[in-house]
Structure formats: structure tokens, C-alpha cells
Protein backbone atom coordinates (compact mmCIF):
# COMPACT_ATOMS: atom_id res chain seq x y z
CA UNK A 1 87.73 88.28 128.86
CA UNK A 2 87.52 89.17 125.15
CA UNK A 3 85.60 92.21 123.96
CA UNK A 4 81.98 91.64 123.03
CA UNK A 5 81.35 92.25 119.35
CA UNK A 6 77.55 92.09 119.59
CA UNK A 7 75.78 89.30 121.39
CA UNK A 8 72.85 88.19 123.48
CA UNK A 9 73.66 87.30 127.08
CA UNK A 10 72.35 84.43 129.18
CA UNK A 11 72.80 84.47 132.96
CA UNK A 12 71.91 81.70 135.38
CA UNK A 13 72.23 81.42 139.16
CA UNK A 14 73.50 78.13 140.61
CA UNK A 15 74.51 77.47 144.19
CA UNK A 16 76.67 80.46 145.18
CA UNK A 17 77.66 81.57 141.65
CA UNK A 18 76.30 83.53 138.72
CA UNK A 19 77.23 82.16 135.29
CA UNK A 20 77.26 84.39 132.22
CA UNK A 21 77.21 83.03 128.66
CA UNK A 22 77.91 85.18 125.63
CA UNK A 23 78.95 84.80 122.02
CA UNK A 24 82.14 86.22 120.52
CA UNK A 25 82.55 85.36 116.85
CA UNK A 26 81.38 81.77 116.46
CA UNK A 27 82.37 80.75 120.01
CA UNK A 28 80.15 80.65 123.10
CA UNK A 29 82.01 81.73 126.27
CA UNK A 30 81.31 81.16 129.97
CA UNK A 31 82.45 83.38 132.82
CA UNK A 32 81.29 83.46 136.44
CA UNK A 33 81.03 85.53 139.60
CA UNK A 34 80.00 85.14 143.20
CA UNK A 35 76.26 85.78 143.60
CA UNK A 36 76.80 89.46 144.34
CA UNK A 37 78.10 89.96 140.77
CA UNK A 38 80.76 92.40 142.00
CA UNK A 39 83.78 90.53 140.56
CA UNK A 40 83.68 88.45 137.38
CA UNK A 41 86.49 86.13 136.28
CA UNK A 42 89.06 87.93 134.16
CA UNK A 43 89.12 85.16 131.56
CA UNK A 44 86.43 83.03 130.02
CA UNK A 45 86.12 79.42 128.92
CA UNK A 46 84.91 78.49 125.45
CA UNK A 47 82.02 76.08 125.98
CA UNK A 48 80.67 75.92 122.44
CA UNK A 49 81.64 76.74 118.89
CA UNK A 50 80.21 76.90 115.38
CA UNK A 51 77.52 79.40 116.42
CA UNK A 52 76.05 81.75 113.83
CA UNK A 53 78.56 84.51 113.14
CA UNK A 54 75.95 87.28 113.26
CA UNK A 55 74.79 86.23 116.73
CA UNK A 56 72.74 83.43 118.24
CA UNK A 57 70.06 83.66 120.93
CA UNK A 58 71.34 81.87 124.05
CA UNK A 59 69.63 79.83 126.73
CA UNK A 60 71.22 78.81 130.04
CA UNK A 61 69.65 76.72 132.78
CA UNK A 62 70.54 75.00 136.06
CA UNK A 63 70.05 71.24 136.53
CA UNK A 64 70.12 70.15 140.19
CA UNK A 65 70.54 66.38 139.58
CA UNK A 66 71.93 65.75 136.09
CA UNK A 67 71.53 62.07 135.21
CA UNK A 68 74.31 62.30 132.63
CA UNK A 69 76.75 63.50 135.32
CA UNK A 70 75.85 60.91 137.95
CA UNK A 71 73.36 63.13 139.78
CA UNK A 72 75.69 66.13 140.15
CA UNK A 73 74.41 69.65 139.57
CA UNK A 74 75.37 71.45 136.38
CA UNK A 75 74.69 74.55 134.33
CA UNK A 76 73.80 73.97 130.69
CA UNK A 77 73.95 76.48 127.87
CA UNK A 78 72.74 76.16 124.34
CA UNK A 79 72.50 78.54 121.39
CA UNK A 80 69.00 78.47 119.95
CA UNK A 81 69.01 77.45 116.32
């Protein structure tokens, strides 16, 4: 997981996982852990880009039945603009 250079964090609980979203540069990253939060993934996935370089407020939320994904559950993140 890259070093944090100054960011807001957004955490959401879904099923048996915790998801953490943070900004590094202009990219929004996602990492996750089991619900106990004891062990986080060593790497992250870039789930967004073109965020404000000085930092963007983040929002993350859980959708139980996402109509766009055929009723599957999902976690959504979005930088506030």
C-alpha cells in the first residue's frame, strides 16, 4: 500500500469486510480487511482518478441490492466535488 501524503479516509462495513478508501495524489485507492480490522491487504486497487491534487473529501457507502449490478451488493465510493 502506498504511503499516504495527506488525505481524508472513508471506511464502510459490508458483509464480513471493512473497506477503506483514501486518496494518494490524484488517485482514489481501495483496500480491505476482515471486520476485526487486524490485517489489511498489503496492496490497494485504484478505483478512481483525476481527484483534486490537494485532497478531496470522500464518501463510501454500501448498497445491498444494486440495480446496475443485477441486484448484487456493492460498495460505492465517490470523491465529493
